[in-house]
C-alpha atoms as a PDB file:
ATOM      1  CA  MET A   1      54.250 136.669  51.799  1.00  0.00           C
ATOM      2  CA  LEU A   2      54.070 132.890  51.513  1.00  0.00           C
ATOM      3  CA  GLY A   3      57.466 132.905  49.744  1.00  0.00           C
ATOM      4  CA  VAL A   4      59.058 134.879  52.589  1.00  0.00           C
ATOM      5  CA  ILE A   5      57.673 132.479  55.192  1.00  0.00           C
ATOM      6  CA  SER A   6      58.788 129.513  53.115  1.00  0.00           C
ATOM      7  CA  ARG A   7      62.359 130.874  52.821  1.00  0.00           C
ATOM      8  CA  ARG A   8      62.527 131.632  56.558  1.00  0.00           C
ATOM      9  CA  LEU A   9      61.239 128.156  57.347  1.00  0.00           C
ATOM     10  CA  ASP A  10      63.813 126.627  54.972  1.00  0.00           C
ATOM     11  CA  ASN A  11      66.600 128.674  56.603  1.00  0.00           C
ATOM     12  CA  PHE A  12      65.376 127.657  60.046  1.00  0.00           C
ATOM     13  CA  MET A  13      65.179 123.973  59.077  1.00  0.00           C
ATOM     14  CA  THR A  14      68.589 124.071  57.403  1.00  0.00           C
ATOM     15  CA  ALA A  15      70.131 125.684  60.488  1.00  0.00           C
ATOM     16  CA  GLY A  16      68.399 123.128  62.737  1.00  0.00           C
ATOM     17  CA  ILE A  17      69.592 120.210  60.643  1.00  0.00           C
ATOM     18  CA  PHE A  18      73.113 121.643  60.532  1.00  0.00           C
ATOM     19  CA  LEU A  19      73.110 122.123  64.307  1.00  0.00           C
ATOM     20  CA  PHE A  20      71.820 118.570  64.825  1.00  0.00           C
ATOM     21  CA  MET A  21      74.471 117.139  62.496  1.00  0.00           C
ATOM     22  CA  THR A  22      77.211 119.150  64.213  1.00  0.00           C
ATOM     23  CA  ASN A  23      76.110 118.008  67.671  1.00  0.00           C
ATOM     24  CA  ASN A  24      75.729 114.441  66.450  1.00  0.00           C
ATOM     25  CA  LEU A  25      79.195 114.521  64.867  1.00  0.00           C
ATOM     26  CA  PHE A  26      80.683 115.906  68.086  1.00  0.00           C
ATOM     27  CA  LEU A  27      78.933 113.187  70.101  1.00  0.00           C
ATOM     28  CA  ARG A  28      80.174 110.476  67.755  1.00  0.00           C
ATOM     29  CA  CYS A  29      83.750 111.763  67.789  1.00  0.00           C
ATOM     30  CA  SER A  30      83.875 112.073  71.556  1.00  0.00           C
ATOM     31  CA  THR A  31      82.345 108.605  71.963  1.00  0.00           C
ATOM     32  CA  MET A  32      84.890 107.163  69.527  1.00  0.00           C
ATOM     33  CA  LEU A  33      87.751 108.869  71.376  1.00  0.00           C
ATOM     34  CA  ALA A  34      86.515 107.517  74.718  1.00  0.00           C
ATOM     35  CA  ALA A  35      86.253 104.006  73.255  1.00  0.00           C
ATOM     36  CA  ILE A  36      89.782 104.183  71.838  1.00  0.00           C
ATOM     37  CA  LEU A  37      91.186 105.387  75.162  1.00  0.00           C
ATOM     38  CA  MET A  38      89.405 102.566  76.995  1.00  0.00           C
ATOM     39  CA  VAL A  39      90.812  99.980  74.581  1.00  0.00           C
ATOM     40  CA  PHE A  40      94.337 101.283  75.054  1.00  0.00           C
ATOM     41  CA  SER A  41      93.953 101.277  78.829  1.00  0.00           C
ATOM     42  CA  VAL A  42      92.940  97.598  78.723  1.00  0.00           C
ATOM     43  CA  VAL A  43      95.348  96.456  76.018  1.00  0.00           C
ATOM     44  CA  LEU A  44      98.363  98.435  77.209  1.00  0.00           C
ATOM     45  CA  PRO A  45      98.278  98.320  81.008  1.00  0.00           C
ATOM     46  CA  LEU A  46     100.860 100.289  82.907  1.00  0.00           C
ATOM     47  CA  HIS A  47     103.751  98.075  83.869  1.00  0.00           C
ATOM     48  CA  ALA A  48     105.957  98.476  86.868  1.00  0.00           C
ATOM     49  CA  GLN A  49     109.476  99.677  86.182  1.00  0.00           C
ATOM     50  CA  PRO A  50     111.960  96.793  86.490  1.00  0.00           C
ATOM     51  CA  GLY A  51     113.996  98.621  89.158  1.00  0.00           C
ATOM     52  CA  ASN A  52     110.825  99.350  91.061  1.00  0.00           C
ATOM     53  CA  VAL A  53     109.501  95.768  91.155  1.00  0.00           C
ATOM     54  CA  THR A  54     111.533  94.825  94.227  1.00  0.00           C
ATOM     55  CA  THR A  55     110.121  97.867  96.025  1.00  0.00           C
ATOM     56  CA  LEU A  56     106.574  96.813  95.078  1.00  0.00           C
ATOM     57  CA  LEU A  57     107.195  93.275  96.300  1.00  0.00           C
ATOM     58  CA  ASP A  58     108.788  94.495  99.524  1.00  0.00           C
ATOM     59  CA  ASP A  59     105.884  96.891 100.118  1.00  0.00           C
ATOM     60  CA  ALA A  60     103.414  94.052  99.516  1.00  0.00           C
ATOM     61  CA  TYR A  61     105.305  91.891 102.020  1.00  0.00           C
ATOM     62  CA  ALA A  62     105.345  94.686 104.610  1.00  0.00           C
ATOM     63  CA  THR A  63     101.636  95.328 104.049  1.00  0.00           C
ATOM     64  CA  LEU A  64     100.829  91.682 104.688  1.00  0.00           C
ATOM     65  CA  ALA A  65     103.120  91.653 107.719  1.00  0.00           C
ATOM     66  CA  GLN A  66     101.011  94.418 109.297  1.00  0.00           C
ATOM     67  CA  ALA A  67      97.820  92.395 109.036  1.00  0.00           C
ATOM     68  CA  LYS A  68      96.867  91.063 112.464  1.00  0.00           C
ATOM     69  CA  HIS A  69      94.966  87.907 111.644  1.00  0.00           C
ATOM     70  CA  ASP A  70      96.337  84.618 110.365  1.00  0.00           C
ATOM     71  CA  TYR A  71      93.655  83.841 107.720  1.00  0.00           C
ATOM     72  CA  LYS A  72      94.254  80.105 108.285  1.00  0.00           C
ATOM     73  CA  GLY A  73      97.844  80.355 107.110  1.00  0.00           C
ATOM     74  CA  HIS A  74      97.110  81.951 103.722  1.00  0.00           C
ATOM     75  CA  ARG A  75      98.562  85.342 104.700  1.00  0.00           C
ATOM     76  CA  VAL A  76     101.798  83.700 105.852  1.00  0.00           C
ATOM     77  CA  ASN A  77     101.920  81.526 102.721  1.00  0.00           C
ATOM     78  CA  ALA A  78     101.477  84.642 100.568  1.00  0.00           C
ATOM     79  CA  MET A  79     104.339  86.286 102.461  1.00  0.00           C
ATOM     80  CA  LYS A  80     106.556  83.259 101.794  1.00  0.00           C
ATOM     81  CA  GLN A  81     105.725  83.393  98.083  1.00  0.00           C
ATOM     82  CA  ILE A  82     106.544  87.108  97.985  1.00  0.00           C
ATOM     83  CA  GLN A  83     109.841  86.448  99.758  1.00  0.00           C
ATOM     84  CA  LEU A  84     110.690  83.812  97.120  1.00  0.00           C
ATOM     85  CA  ALA A  85     109.706  86.219  94.328  1.00  0.00           C
ATOM     86  CA  LEU A  86     111.918  88.902  95.877  1.00  0.00           C
ATOM     87  CA  GLY A  87     114.823  86.451  95.879  1.00  0.00           C
ATOM     88  CA  GLU A  88     114.239  85.633  92.210  1.00  0.00           C
ATOM     89  CA  ALA A  89     114.060  89.348  91.386  1.00  0.00           C
ATOM     90  CA  GLY A  90     117.321  90.074  93.210  1.00  0.00           C
ATOM     91  CA  GLY A  91     115.862  91.720  96.297  1.00  0.00           C
ATOM     92  CA  LYS A  92     115.207  90.832  99.903  1.00  0.00           C
ATOM     93  CA  VAL A  93     112.661  91.625 102.584  1.00  0.00           C
ATOM     94  CA  SER A  94     113.489  94.896 104.342  1.00  0.00           C
ATOM     95  CA  GLY A  95     111.694  94.043 107.583  1.00  0.00           C
ATOM     96  CA  LYS A  96     109.329  97.011 107.658  1.00  0.00           C
ATOM     97  CA  GLY A  97     105.722  96.486 108.662  1.00  0.00           C
ATOM     98  CA  LYS A  98     105.680  95.336 112.287  1.00  0.00           C
ATOM     99  CA  ASN A  99     102.414  96.985 113.471  1.00  0.00           C
ATOM    100  CA  HIS A 100      99.256  94.860 113.743  1.00  0.00           C
ATOM    101  CA  GLU A 101      95.726  96.089 113.081  1.00  0.00           C
ATOM    102  CA  PRO A 102      92.075  95.065 113.607  1.00  0.00           C
ATOM    103  CA  GLN A 103      90.327  92.568 111.288  1.00  0.00           C
ATOM    104  CA  GLY A 104      88.730  95.133 108.950  1.00  0.00           C
ATOM    105  CA  THR A 105      92.001  96.969 108.563  1.00  0.00           C
ATOM    106  CA  SER A 106      93.789  93.655 108.030  1.00  0.00           C
ATOM    107  CA  ASP A 107      91.416  92.850 105.161  1.00  0.00           C
ATOM    108  CA  ALA A 108      92.165  96.253 103.641  1.00  0.00           C
ATOM    109  CA  GLN A 109      95.892  95.570 104.047  1.00  0.00           C
ATOM    110  CA  LEU A 110      95.536  92.275 102.184  1.00  0.00           C
ATOM    111  CA  ARG A 111      93.698  94.018  99.341  1.00  0.00           C
ATOM    112  CA  ALA A 112      96.394  96.701  99.216  1.00  0.00           C
ATOM    113  CA  ALA A 113      99.121  94.046  99.037  1.00  0.00           C
ATOM    114  CA  GLN A 114      97.174  92.311  96.289  1.00  0.00           C
ATOM    115  CA  GLY A 115      97.118  95.559  94.305  1.00  0.00           C
ATOM    116  CA  LEU A 116     100.874  95.995  94.701  1.00  0.00           C
ATOM    117  CA  LEU A 117     101.444  92.440  93.498  1.00  0.00           C
ATOM    118  CA  GLN A 118      99.225  93.037  90.461  1.00  0.00           C
ATOM    119  CA  GLN A 119     101.375  96.058  89.591  1.00  0.00           C
ATOM    120  CA  ALA A 120     104.584  94.063  89.998  1.00  0.00           C
ATOM    121  CA  LYS A 121     103.400  91.234  87.719  1.00  0.00           C
ATOM    122  CA  GLY A 122     104.046  93.291  84.580  1.00  0.00           C
ATOM    123  CA  ALA A 123     107.777  93.441  85.251  1.00  0.00           C
ATOM    124  CA  LEU A 124     108.251  89.805  86.278  1.00  0.00           C
ATOM    125  CA  ALA A 125     108.766  86.553  84.419  1.00  0.00           C
ATOM    126  CA  GLY A 126     109.600  82.929  85.172  1.00  0.00           C
ATOM    127  CA  LYS A 127     109.736  81.739  88.761  1.00  0.00           C
ATOM    128  CA  ALA A 128     109.279  85.219  90.240  1.00  0.00           C
ATOM    129  CA  LEU A 129     106.008  85.644  88.327  1.00  0.00           C
ATOM    130  CA  LYS A 130     104.860  82.190  89.441  1.00  0.00           C
ATOM    131  CA  HIS A 131     105.553  83.070  93.087  1.00  0.00           C
ATOM    132  CA  VAL A 132     103.626  86.345  92.758  1.00  0.00           C
ATOM    133  CA  ASP A 133     100.693  84.510  91.164  1.00  0.00           C
ATOM    134  CA  ASN A 134     100.769  82.022  94.056  1.00  0.00           C
ATOM    135  CA  ALA A 135     100.860  84.883  96.563  1.00  0.00           C
ATOM    136  CA  ILE A 136      97.827  86.489  94.916  1.00  0.00           C
ATOM    137  CA  ALA A 137      95.992  83.162  95.074  1.00  0.00           C
ATOM    138  CA  GLN A 138      96.837  82.861  98.794  1.00  0.00           C
ATOM    139  CA  ILE A 139      95.534  86.389  99.403  1.00  0.00           C
ATOM    140  CA  ASN A 140      92.308  85.543  97.560  1.00  0.00           C
ATOM    141  CA  ASP A 141      91.898  82.468  99.777  1.00  0.00           C
ATOM    142  CA  ALA A 142      92.656  84.521 102.889  1.00  0.00           C
ATOM    143  CA  LEU A 143      90.065  87.147 101.984  1.00  0.00           C
ATOM    144  CA  ALA A 144      87.459  84.419 101.449  1.00  0.00           C
ATOM    145  CA  ILE A 145      87.819  83.430 105.126  1.00  0.00           C
ATOM    146  CA  LYS A 146      85.465  85.232 107.501  1.00  0.00           C
END
Protein backbone atom coordinates (compact mmCIF):
# COMPACT_ATOMS: atom_id res chain seq x y z
CA MET A 1 0.00 0.00 0.00
CA LEU A 2 2.78 2.41 0.92
CA GLY A 3 4.53 1.59 -2.38
CA VAL A 4 1.39 2.43 -4.37
CA ILE A 5 1.00 5.76 -2.58
CA SER A 6 4.68 6.50 -3.06
CA ARG A 7 4.48 5.81 -6.83
CA ARG A 8 1.34 7.94 -7.19
CA LEU A 9 2.98 10.75 -5.26
CA ASP A 10 6.11 10.47 -7.45
CA ASN A 11 3.95 10.56 -10.60
CA PHE A 12 2.03 13.54 -9.25
CA MET A 13 5.23 15.39 -8.32
CA THR A 14 6.86 14.58 -11.66
CA ALA A 15 3.79 15.84 -13.53
CA GLY A 16 3.70 18.98 -11.37
CA ILE A 17 7.38 19.69 -11.93
CA PHE A 18 6.99 19.07 -15.66
CA LEU A 19 3.98 21.40 -15.81
CA PHE A 20 5.88 24.07 -13.85
CA MET A 21 8.91 23.77 -16.14
CA THR A 22 6.71 23.93 -19.24
CA ASN A 23 4.89 27.03 -17.99
CA ASN A 24 8.16 28.60 -16.90
CA LEU A 25 9.74 27.88 -20.29
CA PHE A 26 6.72 29.38 -22.07
CA LEU A 27 6.91 32.47 -19.85
CA ARG A 28 10.63 32.86 -20.49
CA CYS A 29 10.25 32.45 -24.25
CA SER A 30 7.39 34.91 -24.49
CA THR A 31 9.26 37.41 -22.32
CA MET A 32 12.36 37.03 -24.49
CA LEU A 33 10.30 37.51 -27.66
CA ALA A 34 8.68 40.66 -26.23
CA ALA A 35 12.10 42.03 -25.26
CA ILE A 36 13.51 41.37 -28.74
CA LEU A 37 10.53 43.06 -30.40
CA MET A 38 10.92 46.08 -28.12
CA VAL A 39 14.62 46.36 -28.96
CA PHE A 40 13.91 46.25 -32.68
CA SER A 41 11.18 48.86 -32.35
CA VAL A 42 13.65 51.22 -30.64
CA VAL A 43 16.71 50.42 -32.73
CA LEU A 44 14.95 50.27 -36.09
CA PRO A 45 12.33 53.02 -36.04
CA LEU A 46 10.01 53.32 -38.99
CA HIS A 47 11.28 55.92 -41.40
CA ALA A 48 9.21 58.04 -43.69
CA GLN A 49 9.39 57.18 -47.36
CA PRO A 50 11.53 59.72 -49.24
CA GLY A 51 8.68 60.60 -51.63
CA ASN A 52 6.36 61.02 -48.69
CA VAL A 53 8.57 63.41 -46.69
CA THR A 54 7.35 66.50 -48.54
CA THR A 55 3.76 65.47 -47.78
CA LEU A 56 4.63 65.07 -44.08
CA LEU A 57 6.30 68.48 -44.01
CA ASP A 58 3.41 70.11 -45.86
CA ASP A 59 0.91 68.49 -43.49
CA ALA A 60 2.93 69.72 -40.51
CA TYR A 61 2.92 73.24 -41.97
CA ALA A 62 -0.83 73.12 -42.60
CA THR A 63 -1.43 71.80 -39.08
CA LEU A 64 0.51 74.69 -37.58
CA ALA A 65 -1.27 77.14 -39.86
CA GLN A 66 -4.61 76.06 -38.36
CA ALA A 67 -3.51 76.87 -34.83
CA LYS A 68 -5.16 80.09 -33.69
CA HIS A 69 -2.68 81.47 -31.19
CA ASP A 70 0.70 83.03 -31.87
CA TYR A 71 2.71 81.36 -29.05
CA LYS A 72 4.97 84.44 -28.91
CA GLY A 73 6.17 83.90 -32.46
CA HIS A 74 7.36 80.30 -32.01
CA ARG A 75 4.54 78.82 -34.11
CA VAL A 76 5.34 81.19 -36.98
CA ASN A 77 9.08 80.51 -36.62
CA ALA A 78 8.39 76.77 -36.77
CA MET A 79 6.34 77.33 -39.93
CA LYS A 80 9.23 79.25 -41.50
CA GLN A 81 11.64 76.43 -40.65
CA ILE A 82 9.27 73.88 -42.19
CA GLN A 83 8.96 76.02 -45.32
CA LEU A 84 12.77 76.10 -45.59
CA ALA A 85 12.94 72.33 -45.06
CA LEU A 86 10.32 71.84 -47.78
CA GLY A 87 12.44 73.92 -50.14
CA GLU A 88 15.52 71.83 -49.36
CA ALA A 89 13.51 68.64 -49.90
CA GLY A 90 12.21 69.84 -53.27
CA GLY A 91 8.67 70.68 -52.20
CA LYS A 92 6.63 73.76 -51.44
CA VAL A 93 3.80 74.77 -49.14
CA SER A 94 0.42 73.84 -50.62
CA GLY A 95 -1.55 76.49 -48.74
CA LYS A 96 -4.00 74.17 -47.00
CA GLY A 97 -4.89 74.78 -43.38
CA LYS A 98 -6.67 78.13 -43.16
CA ASN A 99 -9.13 77.40 -40.30
CA HIS A 100 -8.33 78.66 -36.79
CA GLU A 101 -9.23 76.88 -33.56
CA PRO A 102 -9.44 77.49 -29.79
CA GLN A 103 -6.34 77.37 -27.55
CA GLY A 104 -6.69 73.73 -26.46
CA THR A 105 -7.19 72.60 -30.02
CA SER A 106 -4.26 74.76 -31.11
CA ASP A 107 -2.03 72.99 -28.59
CA ALA A 108 -3.19 69.64 -29.97
CA GLN A 109 -2.45 70.89 -33.50
CA LEU A 110 1.09 71.82 -32.47
CA ARG A 111 1.63 68.36 -30.97
CA ALA A 112 0.27 66.76 -34.14
CA ALA A 113 2.63 68.83 -36.29
CA GLN A 114 5.48 67.85 -34.00
CA GLY A 115 4.64 64.18 -34.55
CA LEU A 116 4.62 64.64 -38.33
CA LEU A 117 8.01 66.34 -38.17
CA GLN A 118 9.42 63.50 -36.07
CA GLN A 119 8.27 61.06 -38.76
CA ALA A 120 9.83 63.15 -41.52
CA LYS A 121 13.22 63.36 -39.77
CA GLY A 122 14.12 59.79 -40.76
CA ALA A 123 14.10 60.64 -44.46
CA LEU A 124 15.95 63.96 -44.22
CA ALA A 125 19.59 64.98 -44.06
CA GLY A 126 21.68 68.15 -44.18
CA LYS A 127 19.98 71.53 -44.13
CA ALA A 128 16.46 70.09 -44.38
CA LEU A 129 17.04 68.02 -41.23
CA LYS A 130 18.46 71.06 -39.45
CA HIS A 131 15.38 73.11 -40.35
CA VAL A 132 13.06 70.35 -39.10
CA ASP A 133 15.02 70.12 -35.84
CA ASN A 134 14.70 73.91 -35.47
CA ALA A 135 10.96 73.69 -36.16
CA ILE A 136 10.57 71.02 -33.48
CA ALA A 137 12.48 73.21 -31.02
CA GLN A 138 10.18 76.16 -31.85
CA ILE A 139 7.12 73.96 -31.27
CA ASN A 140 8.53 72.83 -27.92
CA ASP A 141 9.02 76.48 -26.94
CA ALA A 142 5.51 77.35 -28.13
CA LEU A 143 3.96 74.55 -26.10
CA ALA A 144 5.83 75.73 -23.00
CA ILE A 145 3.96 79.06 -23.21
CA LYS A 146 0.68 79.18 -21.29
